[in-house]
C-alpha atoms as a PDB file:
ATOM      1  CA  UNK A   1      54.789  85.650  27.504  1.00  0.00           C
ATOM      2  CA  UNK A   2      58.026  84.003  26.613  1.00  0.00           C
ATOM      3  CA  UNK A   3      58.903  86.831  24.142  1.00  0.00           C
ATOM      4  CA  UNK A   4      58.499  89.441  26.898  1.00  0.00           C
ATOM      5  CA  UNK A   5      60.913  87.498  29.044  1.00  0.00           C
ATOM      6  CA  UNK A   6      63.448  87.282  26.154  1.00  0.00           C
ATOM      7  CA  UNK A   7      63.077  91.070  25.504  1.00  0.00           C
ATOM      8  CA  UNK A   8      63.685  91.760  29.200  1.00  0.00           C
ATOM      9  CA  UNK A   9      66.814  89.517  29.131  1.00  0.00           C
ATOM     10  CA  UNK A  10      68.173  91.183  26.123  1.00  0.00           C
ATOM     11  CA  UNK A  11      67.560  94.643  27.571  1.00  0.00           C
ATOM     12  CA  UNK A  12      69.337  93.561  30.801  1.00  0.00           C
ATOM     13  CA  UNK A  13      72.249  92.299  28.723  1.00  0.00           C
ATOM     14  CA  UNK A  14      72.521  95.600  26.812  1.00  0.00           C
ATOM     15  CA  UNK A  15      72.254  97.493  30.157  1.00  0.00           C
ATOM     16  CA  UNK A  16      75.242  95.574  31.662  1.00  0.00           C
ATOM     17  CA  UNK A  17      77.259  96.142  28.579  1.00  0.00           C
ATOM     18  CA  UNK A  18      76.558  99.804  28.731  1.00  0.00           C
ATOM     19  CA  UNK A  19      77.546  99.892  32.532  1.00  0.00           C
ATOM     20  CA  UNK A  20      80.719  98.169  31.616  1.00  0.00           C
ATOM     21  CA  UNK A  21      81.540 100.487  28.788  1.00  0.00           C
ATOM     22  CA  UNK A  22      80.792 103.505  31.085  1.00  0.00           C
ATOM     23  CA  UNK A  23      83.321 102.114  33.562  1.00  0.00           C
ATOM     24  CA  UNK A  24      85.924 101.546  30.886  1.00  0.00           C
ATOM     25  CA  UNK A  25      85.459 105.162  29.759  1.00  0.00           C
ATOM     26  CA  UNK A  26      85.799 106.474  33.371  1.00  0.00           C
ATOM     27  CA  UNK A  27      89.043 104.560  33.689  1.00  0.00           C
ATOM     28  CA  UNK A  28      90.312 106.128  30.396  1.00  0.00           C
ATOM     29  CA  UNK A  29      89.439 109.608  31.518  1.00  0.00           C
ATOM     30  CA  UNK A  30      91.284 109.061  34.845  1.00  0.00           C
ATOM     31  CA  UNK A  31      94.345 107.785  32.881  1.00  0.00           C
ATOM     32  CA  UNK A  32      94.223 110.850  30.641  1.00  0.00           C
ATOM     33  CA  UNK A  33      93.831 113.181  33.575  1.00  0.00           C
ATOM     34  CA  UNK A  34      96.751 111.698  35.435  1.00  0.00           C
ATOM     35  CA  UNK A  35      98.890 112.003  32.243  1.00  0.00           C
ATOM     36  CA  UNK A  36      97.922 115.618  31.775  1.00  0.00           C
ATOM     37  CA  UNK A  37      98.852 116.226  35.462  1.00  0.00           C
ATOM     38  CA  UNK A  38     102.210 114.624  34.854  1.00  0.00           C
ATOM     39  CA  UNK A  39     102.789 116.593  31.669  1.00  0.00           C
ATOM     40  CA  UNK A  40     101.986 119.883  33.438  1.00  0.00           C
ATOM     41  CA  UNK A  41     104.384 118.955  36.227  1.00  0.00           C
ATOM     42  CA  UNK A  42     107.071 118.260  33.519  1.00  0.00           C
ATOM     43  CA  UNK A  43     106.355 121.545  31.861  1.00  0.00           C
ATOM     44  CA  UNK A  44     106.524 123.449  35.200  1.00  0.00           C
ATOM     45  CA  UNK A  45     109.967 121.878  35.869  1.00  0.00           C
ATOM     46  CA  UNK A  46     111.265 122.844  32.450  1.00  0.00           C
ATOM     47  CA  UNK A  47     110.059 126.427  32.888  1.00  0.00           C
ATOM     48  CA  UNK A  48     111.560 126.687  36.408  1.00  0.00           C
ATOM     49  CA  UNK A  49     114.925 125.495  35.114  1.00  0.00           C
ATOM     50  CA  UNK A  50     114.827 127.935  32.044  1.00  0.00           C
ATOM     51  CA  UNK A  51     113.709 130.878  34.068  1.00  0.00           C
ATOM     52  CA  UNK A  52     116.434 130.321  36.576  1.00  0.00           C
ATOM     53  CA  UNK A  53     119.114 130.104  33.766  1.00  0.00           C
ATOM     54  CA  UNK A  54     117.622 133.207  32.097  1.00  0.00           C
ATOM     55  CA  UNK A  55     117.817 135.183  35.331  1.00  0.00           C
ATOM     56  CA  UNK A  56     121.365 134.132  35.989  1.00  0.00           C
ATOM     57  CA  UNK A  57     120.315 132.178  39.108  1.00  0.00           C
ATOM     58  CA  UNK A  58     121.588 128.868  37.776  1.00  0.00           C
ATOM     59  CA  UNK A  59     124.925 127.559  38.487  1.00  0.00           C
ATOM     60  CA  UNK A  60     124.683 125.108  35.620  1.00  0.00           C
ATOM     61  CA  UNK A  61     125.583 125.681  32.018  1.00  0.00           C
ATOM     62  CA  UNK A  62     122.926 125.806  29.345  1.00  0.00           C
ATOM     63  CA  UNK A  63     124.162 122.466  28.073  1.00  0.00           C
ATOM     64  CA  UNK A  64     123.631 120.755  31.405  1.00  0.00           C
ATOM     65  CA  UNK A  65     120.197 122.271  31.682  1.00  0.00           C
ATOM     66  CA  UNK A  66     119.387 121.155  28.124  1.00  0.00           C
ATOM     67  CA  UNK A  67     120.601 117.605  28.929  1.00  0.00           C
ATOM     68  CA  UNK A  68     118.496 117.588  32.120  1.00  0.00           C
ATOM     69  CA  UNK A  69     115.414 118.597  30.209  1.00  0.00           C
ATOM     70  CA  UNK A  70     115.875 116.043  27.538  1.00  0.00           C
ATOM     71  CA  UNK A  71     116.390 113.376  30.224  1.00  0.00           C
ATOM     72  CA  UNK A  72     113.130 114.392  31.948  1.00  0.00           C
ATOM     73  CA  UNK A  73     111.210 114.102  28.827  1.00  0.00           C
ATOM     74  CA  UNK A  74     112.627 110.743  28.022  1.00  0.00           C
ATOM     75  CA  UNK A  75     111.671 109.676  31.556  1.00  0.00           C
ATOM     76  CA  UNK A  76     108.100 111.033  31.049  1.00  0.00           C
ATOM     77  CA  UNK A  77     107.794 109.171  27.789  1.00  0.00           C
ATOM     78  CA  UNK A  78     109.114 105.973  29.361  1.00  0.00           C
ATOM     79  CA  UNK A  79     106.771 106.296  32.260  1.00  0.00           C
ATOM     80  CA  UNK A  80     103.815 106.598  29.738  1.00  0.00           C
ATOM     81  CA  UNK A  81     105.160 103.428  27.832  1.00  0.00           C
ATOM     82  CA  UNK A  82     105.244 101.504  31.103  1.00  0.00           C
ATOM     83  CA  UNK A  83     101.668 102.638  31.946  1.00  0.00           C
ATOM     84  CA  UNK A  84     100.467 101.502  28.612  1.00  0.00           C
ATOM     85  CA  UNK A  85     102.059  98.133  28.892  1.00  0.00           C
ATOM     86  CA  UNK A  86     100.674  97.651  32.415  1.00  0.00           C
ATOM     87  CA  UNK A  87      97.118  98.463  31.205  1.00  0.00           C
ATOM     88  CA  UNK A  88      97.450  95.982  28.345  1.00  0.00           C
END
């Protein structure tokens, strides 16, 4: 009888660990989805700037556009690092 109780307790313990692991994986997936959305937004911004310059619709020089793109990439990376630190 006591063996059945111990087996039940062990299976409950494993079940709660699995539930916790599933919750952790769901959080990780949400973080990756958020990063993907941010990356897509960054790429969209870059494409808009480059297309505007290519079509002669931009009043800025290619150097200023290039600097702005590099700046946005650094901000994106910095945002990723801040997110990593916050989740640690």
